[in-house]
Amino acid sequence: MLVSVARGHVKAFRALSGGREVTVYLFGPGDVFGFLPFLDGEPYPLSTRAVDRVEADVLLREDLLETVRQNPDVAMGLLALLGRRLREAFDRVASSSGGAVPRVAAALGSMVPAGKLSETVVVELPVAGHEYAAALGITPESLSRSISKLTEEGIVRRLGPRKLQVLNAKSLLAYGGFGSAAARAER
């Protein structure tokens, strides 16, 4: 089935031995997931759980197949989404190799609209800090220290527990491993 999140947040995770969970994705409003079983007929490779109150539209595989038969452009949209997810995975691998600060910078940078890279913008973490940290594969303490580091460097300013003002989006993106606004525009 294909799930389109209209409201709230869904954590997609993999359960490890010993009961530990590794968050792989955090989906929010406008995000779509569950298309992999559509492509290969296998079960979804992750478990999912609502983080907060969620409203979503669900399309069963059979209905999606029929929709694609009637309108092949839907398949192209799914392939484009798959391509974006693959690029995001590559970006996550690259940013994870440098430690927590690049991961946090990349994640915060992804919230800055492409047309606003030269402006001061306010971004808000979509969920509580501990859930956001888990989605980035770091501890809540590492998230806090990373935001403190970015604050010390004059790249962001804390406005509240989940709200940050991005003072220099280009530096934030460079810190996250994207190098320049041009790199961001290509993403």
N, C-alpha and C. Protein backbone atom coordinates (compact mmCIF):
# COMPACT_ATOMS: atom_id res chain seq x y z
N MET A 1 0.82 -1.18 0.00
CA MET A 1 0.00 0.00 0.00
C MET A 1 0.86 1.25 0.00
N LEU A 2 0.34 2.28 -0.57
CA LEU A 2 1.01 3.58 -0.64
C LEU A 2 0.34 4.49 0.37
N VAL A 3 1.13 5.15 1.20
CA VAL A 3 0.60 6.01 2.25
C VAL A 3 1.05 7.44 1.99
N SER A 4 0.11 8.36 2.00
CA SER A 4 0.39 9.78 1.85
C SER A 4 0.00 10.48 3.15
N VAL A 5 0.97 11.06 3.83
CA VAL A 5 0.73 11.69 5.12
C VAL A 5 0.13 13.08 4.89
N ALA A 6 -1.04 13.30 5.46
CA ALA A 6 -1.70 14.61 5.35
C ALA A 6 -1.41 15.46 6.57
N ARG A 7 -1.33 14.81 7.74
CA ARG A 7 -1.10 15.55 8.98
C ARG A 7 -0.36 14.63 9.95
N GLY A 8 0.55 15.20 10.71
CA GLY A 8 1.28 14.43 11.71
C GLY A 8 2.57 13.85 11.16
N HIS A 9 3.16 12.96 11.93
CA HIS A 9 4.47 12.39 11.59
C HIS A 9 4.49 10.89 11.84
N VAL A 10 5.14 10.18 10.96
CA VAL A 10 5.28 8.73 11.05
C VAL A 10 6.76 8.39 11.04
N LYS A 11 7.16 7.60 12.02
CA LYS A 11 8.54 7.14 12.10
C LYS A 11 8.63 5.78 11.42
N ALA A 12 9.57 5.64 10.49
CA ALA A 12 9.86 4.36 9.85
C ALA A 12 11.17 3.86 10.45
N PHE A 13 11.15 2.66 11.00
CA PHE A 13 12.32 2.18 11.73
C PHE A 13 12.55 0.70 11.47
N ARG A 14 13.74 0.27 11.83
CA ARG A 14 14.10 -1.14 11.76
C ARG A 14 14.38 -1.58 13.19
N ALA A 15 13.73 -2.65 13.61
CA ALA A 15 13.97 -3.21 14.94
C ALA A 15 15.20 -4.11 14.88
N LEU A 16 16.13 -3.89 15.80
CA LEU A 16 17.36 -4.68 15.88
C LEU A 16 17.25 -5.68 17.02
N SER A 17 18.16 -6.63 17.04
CA SER A 17 18.16 -7.59 18.14
C SER A 17 18.38 -6.84 19.45
N GLY A 18 17.79 -7.35 20.49
CA GLY A 18 17.90 -6.67 21.78
C GLY A 18 16.84 -5.61 21.98
N GLY A 19 15.93 -5.46 21.01
CA GLY A 19 14.83 -4.51 21.15
C GLY A 19 15.15 -3.08 20.75
N ARG A 20 16.38 -2.82 20.36
CA ARG A 20 16.74 -1.47 19.95
C ARG A 20 16.14 -1.15 18.58
N GLU A 21 15.75 0.10 18.37
CA GLU A 21 15.19 0.55 17.10
C GLU A 21 16.11 1.58 16.46
N VAL A 22 16.24 1.49 15.15
CA VAL A 22 17.00 2.48 14.40
C VAL A 22 16.01 3.19 13.47
N THR A 23 15.85 4.49 13.68
CA THR A 23 14.95 5.27 12.84
C THR A 23 15.62 5.51 11.50
N VAL A 24 14.92 5.18 10.43
CA VAL A 24 15.45 5.34 9.09
C VAL A 24 14.88 6.59 8.43
N TYR A 25 13.59 6.83 8.62
CA TYR A 25 12.93 8.00 8.05
C TYR A 25 11.95 8.57 9.06
N LEU A 26 11.70 9.85 8.93
CA LEU A 26 10.65 10.51 9.66
C LEU A 26 9.79 11.20 8.61
N PHE A 27 8.58 10.70 8.40
CA PHE A 27 7.70 11.23 7.37
C PHE A 27 6.74 12.24 7.99
N GLY A 28 6.48 13.32 7.26
CA GLY A 28 5.55 14.35 7.73
C GLY A 28 4.57 14.72 6.64
N PRO A 29 3.80 15.78 6.86
CA PRO A 29 2.79 16.19 5.89
C PRO A 29 3.38 16.35 4.48
N GLY A 30 2.71 15.75 3.52
CA GLY A 30 3.15 15.81 2.13
C GLY A 30 4.05 14.66 1.72
N ASP A 31 4.56 13.90 2.68
CA ASP A 31 5.43 12.77 2.35
C ASP A 31 4.61 11.55 1.97
N VAL A 32 5.20 10.75 1.09
CA VAL A 32 4.58 9.50 0.63
C VAL A 32 5.56 8.37 0.90
N PHE A 33 5.05 7.26 1.41
CA PHE A 33 5.91 6.10 1.62
C PHE A 33 5.12 4.82 1.36
N GLY A 34 5.86 3.74 1.29
CA GLY A 34 5.24 2.44 1.07
C GLY A 34 5.21 2.02 -0.39
N PHE A 35 5.93 2.73 -1.26
CA PHE A 35 5.89 2.41 -2.69
C PHE A 35 6.79 1.25 -3.06
N LEU A 36 7.73 0.86 -2.19
CA LEU A 36 8.62 -0.23 -2.53
C LEU A 36 7.87 -1.55 -2.75
N PRO A 37 6.89 -1.90 -1.90
CA PRO A 37 6.12 -3.13 -2.17
C PRO A 37 5.37 -3.05 -3.50
N PHE A 38 5.01 -1.86 -3.92
CA PHE A 38 4.36 -1.70 -5.23
C PHE A 38 5.31 -2.14 -6.33
N LEU A 39 6.60 -1.82 -6.17
CA LEU A 39 7.58 -2.13 -7.21
C LEU A 39 7.96 -3.60 -7.24
N ASP A 40 8.16 -4.20 -6.04
CA ASP A 40 8.67 -5.57 -6.05
C ASP A 40 7.72 -6.62 -5.46
N GLY A 41 6.56 -6.20 -4.94
CA GLY A 41 5.61 -7.14 -4.40
C GLY A 41 5.98 -7.73 -3.05
N GLU A 42 7.11 -7.33 -2.50
CA GLU A 42 7.56 -7.81 -1.19
C GLU A 42 7.02 -6.90 -0.10
N PRO A 43 7.08 -7.34 1.16
CA PRO A 43 6.61 -6.50 2.27
C PRO A 43 7.48 -5.25 2.42
N TYR A 44 6.91 -4.23 3.05
CA TYR A 44 7.66 -3.00 3.34
C TYR A 44 8.80 -3.37 4.27
N PRO A 45 10.03 -2.92 3.99
CA PRO A 45 11.19 -3.39 4.75
C PRO A 45 11.36 -2.75 6.13
N LEU A 46 10.49 -1.82 6.49
CA LEU A 46 10.60 -1.14 7.78
C LEU A 46 9.28 -1.24 8.53
N SER A 47 9.35 -1.08 9.83
CA SER A 47 8.14 -0.93 10.63
C SER A 47 7.84 0.56 10.73
N THR A 48 6.58 0.89 10.94
CA THR A 48 6.21 2.30 11.07
C THR A 48 5.37 2.50 12.32
N ARG A 49 5.46 3.72 12.86
CA ARG A 49 4.69 4.08 14.05
C ARG A 49 4.39 5.57 14.00
N ALA A 50 3.17 5.92 14.34
CA ALA A 50 2.80 7.33 14.43
C ALA A 50 3.54 7.97 15.60
N VAL A 51 4.13 9.14 15.37
CA VAL A 51 4.82 9.87 16.41
C VAL A 51 3.83 10.78 17.14
N ASP A 52 2.88 11.30 16.40
CA ASP A 52 1.84 12.14 16.94
C ASP A 52 0.54 11.80 16.20
N ARG A 53 -0.46 12.62 16.32
CA ARG A 53 -1.73 12.33 15.64
C ARG A 53 -1.52 12.42 14.12
N VAL A 54 -1.88 11.34 13.43
CA VAL A 54 -1.63 11.25 11.99
C VAL A 54 -2.94 11.09 11.23
N GLU A 55 -3.03 11.81 10.13
CA GLU A 55 -4.09 11.60 9.14
C GLU A 55 -3.38 11.29 7.84
N ALA A 56 -3.81 10.23 7.17
CA ALA A 56 -3.13 9.82 5.94
C ALA A 56 -4.12 9.20 4.98
N ASP A 57 -3.79 9.26 3.71
CA ASP A 57 -4.54 8.57 2.67
C ASP A 57 -3.77 7.31 2.32
N VAL A 58 -4.49 6.22 2.13
CA VAL A 58 -3.87 4.93 1.83
C VAL A 58 -4.44 4.41 0.52
N LEU A 59 -3.54 3.95 -0.34
CA LEU A 59 -3.93 3.36 -1.62
C LEU A 59 -3.37 1.94 -1.66
N LEU A 60 -4.25 0.96 -1.80
CA LEU A 60 -3.81 -0.43 -1.84
C LEU A 60 -3.06 -0.72 -3.14
N ARG A 61 -2.18 -1.72 -3.10
CA ARG A 61 -1.35 -2.06 -4.25
C ARG A 61 -2.19 -2.31 -5.50
N GLU A 62 -3.27 -3.05 -5.36
CA GLU A 62 -4.13 -3.36 -6.52
C GLU A 62 -4.71 -2.09 -7.14
N ASP A 63 -5.13 -1.16 -6.27
CA ASP A 63 -5.69 0.11 -6.75
C ASP A 63 -4.60 0.96 -7.41
N LEU A 64 -3.40 0.92 -6.85
CA LEU A 64 -2.30 1.67 -7.43
C LEU A 64 -1.92 1.10 -8.80
N LEU A 65 -1.88 -0.22 -8.90
CA LEU A 65 -1.58 -0.85 -10.19
C LEU A 65 -2.60 -0.43 -11.25
N GLU A 66 -3.86 -0.42 -10.88
CA GLU A 66 -4.92 -0.02 -11.81
C GLU A 66 -4.76 1.45 -12.20
N THR A 67 -4.42 2.28 -11.24
CA THR A 67 -4.20 3.70 -11.52
C THR A 67 -3.04 3.89 -12.50
N VAL A 68 -1.96 3.13 -12.31
CA VAL A 68 -0.81 3.22 -13.21
C VAL A 68 -1.17 2.74 -14.61
N ARG A 69 -1.96 1.69 -14.69
CA ARG A 69 -2.39 1.20 -16.01
C ARG A 69 -3.19 2.28 -16.75
N GLN A 70 -4.04 2.98 -16.02
CA GLN A 70 -4.88 4.01 -16.64
C GLN A 70 -4.11 5.30 -16.90
N ASN A 71 -3.09 5.56 -16.07
CA ASN A 71 -2.34 6.80 -16.21
C ASN A 71 -0.86 6.54 -15.94
N PRO A 72 -0.08 6.22 -16.97
CA PRO A 72 1.34 5.90 -16.79
C PRO A 72 2.16 7.04 -16.17
N ASP A 73 1.66 8.27 -16.22
CA ASP A 73 2.38 9.38 -15.59
C ASP A 73 2.50 9.18 -14.08
N VAL A 74 1.57 8.43 -13.49
CA VAL A 74 1.65 8.14 -12.06
C VAL A 74 2.91 7.33 -11.79
N ALA A 75 3.23 6.38 -12.65
CA ALA A 75 4.45 5.58 -12.48
C ALA A 75 5.69 6.47 -12.56
N MET A 76 5.67 7.44 -13.47
CA MET A 76 6.82 8.35 -13.58
C MET A 76 6.97 9.17 -12.30
N GLY A 77 5.86 9.56 -11.71
CA GLY A 77 5.91 10.29 -10.44
C GLY A 77 6.51 9.44 -9.33
N LEU A 78 6.14 8.17 -9.29
CA LEU A 78 6.71 7.27 -8.29
C LEU A 78 8.20 7.04 -8.52
N LEU A 79 8.60 6.93 -9.78
CA LEU A 79 10.03 6.77 -10.08
C LEU A 79 10.81 8.02 -9.68
N ALA A 80 10.22 9.19 -9.90
CA ALA A 80 10.88 10.44 -9.48
C ALA A 80 11.02 10.47 -7.96
N LEU A 81 9.99 10.03 -7.25
CA LEU A 81 10.04 9.97 -5.79
C LEU A 81 11.12 8.99 -5.34
N LEU A 82 11.18 7.85 -5.99
CA LEU A 82 12.21 6.86 -5.67
C LEU A 82 13.61 7.45 -5.91
N GLY A 83 13.76 8.18 -7.01
CA GLY A 83 15.04 8.82 -7.30
C GLY A 83 15.43 9.83 -6.22
N ARG A 84 14.45 10.63 -5.76
CA ARG A 84 14.73 11.61 -4.70
C ARG A 84 15.15 10.89 -3.41
N ARG A 85 14.47 9.79 -3.08
CA ARG A 85 14.82 9.05 -1.87
C ARG A 85 16.23 8.47 -1.98
N LEU A 86 16.58 8.00 -3.15
CA LEU A 86 17.91 7.45 -3.35
C LEU A 86 18.97 8.55 -3.18
N ARG A 87 18.70 9.73 -3.75
CA ARG A 87 19.63 10.85 -3.58
C ARG A 87 19.74 11.25 -2.10
N GLU A 88 18.60 11.26 -1.41
CA GLU A 88 18.61 11.57 0.03
C GLU A 88 19.46 10.55 0.78
N ALA A 89 19.34 9.29 0.40
CA ALA A 89 20.14 8.25 1.06
C ALA A 89 21.62 8.50 0.83
N PHE A 90 21.99 8.86 -0.39
CA PHE A 90 23.39 9.18 -0.68
C PHE A 90 23.86 10.37 0.16
N ASP A 91 23.01 11.39 0.26
CA ASP A 91 23.35 12.57 1.06
C ASP A 91 23.52 12.19 2.53
N ARG A 92 22.64 11.32 3.03
CA ARG A 92 22.73 10.90 4.43
C ARG A 92 24.01 10.14 4.70
N VAL A 93 24.40 9.28 3.77
CA VAL A 93 25.65 8.53 3.94
C VAL A 93 26.82 9.50 3.97
N ALA A 94 26.82 10.46 3.06
CA ALA A 94 27.92 11.43 3.01
C ALA A 94 27.98 12.27 4.28
N SER A 95 26.83 12.76 4.75
CA SER A 95 26.85 13.62 5.93
C SER A 95 27.11 12.83 7.21
N SER A 96 26.76 11.54 7.24
CA SER A 96 26.96 10.75 8.45
C SER A 96 28.43 10.44 8.69
N SER A 97 29.23 10.49 7.65
CA SER A 97 30.65 10.17 7.80
C SER A 97 31.40 11.25 8.55
N GLY A 98 30.83 12.45 8.65
CA GLY A 98 31.53 13.55 9.31
C GLY A 98 31.12 13.78 10.74
N GLY A 99 30.20 13.01 11.29
CA GLY A 99 29.77 13.19 12.66
C GLY A 99 28.41 13.85 12.76
N ALA A 100 28.04 14.20 13.98
CA ALA A 100 26.70 14.71 14.26
C ALA A 100 26.44 16.09 13.68
N VAL A 101 27.42 16.99 13.76
CA VAL A 101 27.17 18.37 13.31
C VAL A 101 26.83 18.42 11.82
N PRO A 102 27.55 17.73 10.95
CA PRO A 102 27.14 17.74 9.54
C PRO A 102 25.76 17.15 9.31
N ARG A 103 25.41 16.12 10.07
CA ARG A 103 24.06 15.54 9.92
C ARG A 103 22.99 16.55 10.29
N VAL A 104 23.20 17.22 11.41
CA VAL A 104 22.22 18.21 11.86
C VAL A 104 22.18 19.38 10.88
N ALA A 105 23.34 19.83 10.42
CA ALA A 105 23.38 20.93 9.46
C ALA A 105 22.66 20.56 8.17
N ALA A 106 22.89 19.35 7.68
CA ALA A 106 22.22 18.91 6.46
C ALA A 106 20.72 18.83 6.65
N ALA A 107 20.29 18.31 7.80
CA ALA A 107 18.85 18.18 8.07
C ALA A 107 18.20 19.55 8.19
N LEU A 108 18.83 20.47 8.92
CA LEU A 108 18.28 21.81 9.04
C LEU A 108 18.31 22.53 7.70
N GLY A 109 19.39 22.34 6.96
CA GLY A 109 19.51 22.97 5.65
C GLY A 109 18.43 22.51 4.69
N SER A 110 18.01 21.26 4.82
CA SER A 110 16.97 20.75 3.94
C SER A 110 15.62 21.41 4.19
N MET A 111 15.47 22.07 5.34
CA MET A 111 14.22 22.75 5.66
C MET A 111 14.17 24.18 5.12
N VAL A 112 15.30 24.67 4.63
CA VAL A 112 15.34 26.03 4.09
C VAL A 112 14.88 25.99 2.63
N PRO A 113 13.82 26.73 2.30
CA PRO A 113 13.37 26.75 0.90
C PRO A 113 14.49 27.21 -0.04
N ALA A 114 14.61 26.55 -1.18
CA ALA A 114 15.69 26.84 -2.12
C ALA A 114 15.74 28.32 -2.51
N GLY A 115 14.62 28.96 -2.64
CA GLY A 115 14.59 30.37 -3.03
C GLY A 115 14.93 31.33 -1.91
N LYS A 116 15.19 30.82 -0.72
CA LYS A 116 15.43 31.69 0.45
C LYS A 116 16.84 31.52 1.02
N LEU A 117 17.77 31.04 0.22
CA LEU A 117 19.11 30.75 0.72
C LEU A 117 19.86 32.00 1.16
N SER A 118 19.50 33.17 0.65
CA SER A 118 20.18 34.40 1.01
C SER A 118 19.44 35.16 2.11
N GLU A 119 18.36 34.58 2.61
CA GLU A 119 17.54 35.26 3.61
C GLU A 119 17.68 34.57 4.96
N THR A 120 17.30 35.29 6.01
CA THR A 120 17.19 34.71 7.33
C THR A 120 15.81 34.07 7.41
N VAL A 121 15.76 32.78 7.73
CA VAL A 121 14.48 32.07 7.81
C VAL A 121 14.37 31.35 9.14
N VAL A 122 13.13 31.07 9.52
CA VAL A 122 12.86 30.32 10.74
C VAL A 122 12.43 28.92 10.33
N VAL A 123 13.05 27.92 10.97
CA VAL A 123 12.67 26.53 10.75
C VAL A 123 12.26 25.93 12.09
N GLU A 124 11.40 24.94 12.01
CA GLU A 124 10.94 24.29 13.23
C GLU A 124 11.11 22.79 13.08
N LEU A 125 11.70 22.17 14.10
CA LEU A 125 11.82 20.72 14.08
C LEU A 125 10.42 20.14 14.03
N PRO A 126 10.18 19.18 13.16
CA PRO A 126 8.82 18.67 12.98
C PRO A 126 8.31 17.85 14.15
N VAL A 127 9.20 17.35 14.99
CA VAL A 127 8.83 16.53 16.14
C VAL A 127 9.75 16.89 17.31
N ALA A 128 9.50 16.30 18.45
CA ALA A 128 10.34 16.55 19.63
C ALA A 128 11.80 16.19 19.32
N GLY A 129 12.70 16.85 20.04
CA GLY A 129 14.12 16.69 19.80
C GLY A 129 14.60 15.26 19.84
N HIS A 130 14.12 14.44 20.77
CA HIS A 130 14.60 13.06 20.87
C HIS A 130 14.18 12.25 19.65
N GLU A 131 12.98 12.51 19.11
CA GLU A 131 12.53 11.81 17.89
C GLU A 131 13.34 12.30 16.68
N TYR A 132 13.60 13.60 16.63
CA TYR A 132 14.36 14.16 15.52
C TYR A 132 15.79 13.61 15.54
N ALA A 133 16.37 13.54 16.73
CA ALA A 133 17.72 12.99 16.86
C ALA A 133 17.75 11.54 16.38
N ALA A 134 16.74 10.77 16.78
CA ALA A 134 16.68 9.36 16.35
C ALA A 134 16.60 9.26 14.83
N ALA A 135 15.83 10.16 14.22
CA ALA A 135 15.72 10.14 12.76
C ALA A 135 17.05 10.45 12.09
N LEU A 136 17.89 11.21 12.77
CA LEU A 136 19.22 11.54 12.23
C LEU A 136 20.28 10.51 12.62
N GLY A 137 19.90 9.57 13.46
CA GLY A 137 20.85 8.54 13.89
C GLY A 137 21.84 9.02 14.92
N ILE A 138 21.42 10.00 15.73
CA ILE A 138 22.29 10.53 16.78
C ILE A 138 21.51 10.57 18.09
N THR A 139 22.19 10.84 19.18
CA THR A 139 21.53 10.96 20.48
C THR A 139 20.96 12.37 20.63
N PRO A 140 19.98 12.53 21.52
CA PRO A 140 19.46 13.88 21.78
C PRO A 140 20.55 14.85 22.26
N GLU A 141 21.51 14.32 23.02
CA GLU A 141 22.61 15.16 23.50
C GLU A 141 23.47 15.64 22.33
N SER A 142 23.70 14.75 21.37
CA SER A 142 24.49 15.14 20.18
C SER A 142 23.74 16.18 19.36
N LEU A 143 22.41 16.05 19.28
CA LEU A 143 21.62 17.06 18.57
C LEU A 143 21.78 18.41 19.25
N SER A 144 21.65 18.43 20.56
CA SER A 144 21.78 19.69 21.31
C SER A 144 23.17 20.30 21.15
N ARG A 145 24.20 19.47 21.28
CA ARG A 145 25.58 19.97 21.12
C ARG A 145 25.82 20.49 19.70
N SER A 146 25.25 19.81 18.71
CA SER A 146 25.42 20.24 17.31
C SER A 146 24.76 21.59 17.07
N ILE A 147 23.55 21.74 17.60
CA ILE A 147 22.87 23.03 17.45
C ILE A 147 23.64 24.12 18.18
N SER A 148 24.21 23.79 19.36
CA SER A 148 25.03 24.76 20.09
C SER A 148 26.25 25.17 19.27
N LYS A 149 26.88 24.19 18.62
CA LYS A 149 28.05 24.48 17.78
C LYS A 149 27.67 25.40 16.61
N LEU A 150 26.55 25.10 15.96
CA LEU A 150 26.09 25.94 14.85
C LEU A 150 25.70 27.34 15.34
N THR A 151 25.22 27.42 16.58
CA THR A 151 24.88 28.72 17.18
C THR A 151 26.15 29.52 17.46
N GLU A 152 27.15 28.85 18.06
CA GLU A 152 28.43 29.50 18.35
C GLU A 152 29.07 30.06 17.09
N GLU A 153 28.89 29.38 15.97
CA GLU A 153 29.49 29.81 14.72
C GLU A 153 28.63 30.85 13.98
N GLY A 154 27.52 31.25 14.59
CA GLY A 154 26.68 32.28 14.00
C GLY A 154 25.87 31.83 12.80
N ILE A 155 25.65 30.52 12.69
CA ILE A 155 24.91 29.99 11.55
C ILE A 155 23.42 29.90 11.85
N VAL A 156 23.10 29.55 13.11
CA VAL A 156 21.69 29.49 13.54
C VAL A 156 21.56 30.19 14.88
N ARG A 157 20.32 30.48 15.24
CA ARG A 157 20.00 31.04 16.56
C ARG A 157 18.80 30.27 17.10
N ARG A 158 18.88 29.87 18.37
CA ARG A 158 17.76 29.19 19.01
C ARG A 158 16.66 30.20 19.33
N LEU A 159 15.44 29.89 18.94
CA LEU A 159 14.30 30.73 19.26
C LEU A 159 13.37 30.05 20.25
N GLY A 160 13.53 28.76 20.42
CA GLY A 160 12.69 27.97 21.32
C GLY A 160 13.14 26.53 21.28
N PRO A 161 12.45 25.65 22.00
CA PRO A 161 12.88 24.25 22.06
C PRO A 161 12.97 23.57 20.69
N ARG A 162 12.06 23.90 19.80
CA ARG A 162 12.07 23.28 18.47
C ARG A 162 12.23 24.28 17.35
N LYS A 163 12.36 25.54 17.67
CA LYS A 163 12.39 26.58 16.65
C LYS A 163 13.77 27.21 16.56
N LEU A 164 14.27 27.31 15.32
CA LEU A 164 15.59 27.89 15.07
C LEU A 164 15.50 28.94 13.97
N GLN A 165 16.32 29.94 14.09
CA GLN A 165 16.43 30.93 13.02
C GLN A 165 17.74 30.63 12.28
N VAL A 166 17.63 30.40 10.98
CA VAL A 166 18.81 30.14 10.17
C VAL A 166 19.33 31.50 9.71
N LEU A 167 20.51 31.85 10.19
CA LEU A 167 21.11 33.14 9.89
C LEU A 167 21.93 33.11 8.61
N ASN A 168 22.49 31.94 8.29
CA ASN A 168 23.34 31.81 7.12
C ASN A 168 23.11 30.43 6.49
N ALA A 169 22.13 30.35 5.61
CA ALA A 169 21.75 29.07 5.00
C ALA A 169 22.88 28.49 4.16
N LYS A 170 23.62 29.33 3.47
CA LYS A 170 24.70 28.81 2.63
C LYS A 170 25.79 28.15 3.47
N SER A 171 26.13 28.75 4.61
CA SER A 171 27.10 28.12 5.52
C SER A 171 26.55 26.85 6.12
N LEU A 172 25.25 26.85 6.42
CA LEU A 172 24.61 25.66 6.97
C LEU A 172 24.69 24.51 5.97
N LEU A 173 24.40 24.79 4.72
CA LEU A 173 24.46 23.76 3.68
C LEU A 173 25.90 23.29 3.46
N ALA A 174 26.84 24.21 3.48
CA ALA A 174 28.24 23.83 3.32
C ALA A 174 28.68 22.94 4.48
N TYR A 175 28.26 23.28 5.68
CA TYR A 175 28.58 22.47 6.86
C TYR A 175 27.99 21.07 6.71
N GLY A 176 26.82 21.00 6.10
CA GLY A 176 26.15 19.72 5.90
C GLY A 176 26.71 18.92 4.75
N GLY A 177 27.71 19.47 4.07
CA GLY A 177 28.37 18.72 3.00
C GLY A 177 27.85 19.00 1.61
N PHE A 178 27.04 20.04 1.47
CA PHE A 178 26.50 20.36 0.15
C PHE A 178 27.31 21.42 -0.56
N GLY A 179 28.24 22.05 0.13
CA GLY A 179 29.20 22.92 -0.50
C GLY A 179 28.70 24.28 -0.95
N SER A 180 27.59 24.34 -1.63
CA SER A 180 27.14 25.63 -2.16
C SER A 180 25.66 25.61 -2.42
N ALA A 181 25.15 26.77 -2.68
CA ALA A 181 23.72 26.86 -3.03
C ALA A 181 23.45 26.12 -4.33
N ALA A 182 24.44 26.09 -5.21
CA ALA A 182 24.25 25.38 -6.49
C ALA A 182 24.04 23.89 -6.23
N ALA A 183 24.81 23.35 -5.27
CA ALA A 183 24.62 21.94 -4.92
C ALA A 183 23.23 21.70 -4.37
N ARG A 184 22.75 22.65 -3.57
CA ARG A 184 21.41 22.51 -2.99
C ARG A 184 20.35 22.56 -4.09
N ALA A 185 20.52 23.42 -5.06
CA ALA A 185 19.54 23.56 -6.12
C ALA A 185 19.43 22.28 -6.95
N GLU A 186 20.52 21.52 -7.02
CA GLU A 186 20.52 20.28 -7.79
C GLU A 186 19.84 19.14 -7.05
N ARG A 187 19.69 19.25 -5.75
CA ARG A 187 19.11 18.17 -4.95
C ARG A 187 17.66 17.98 -5.17
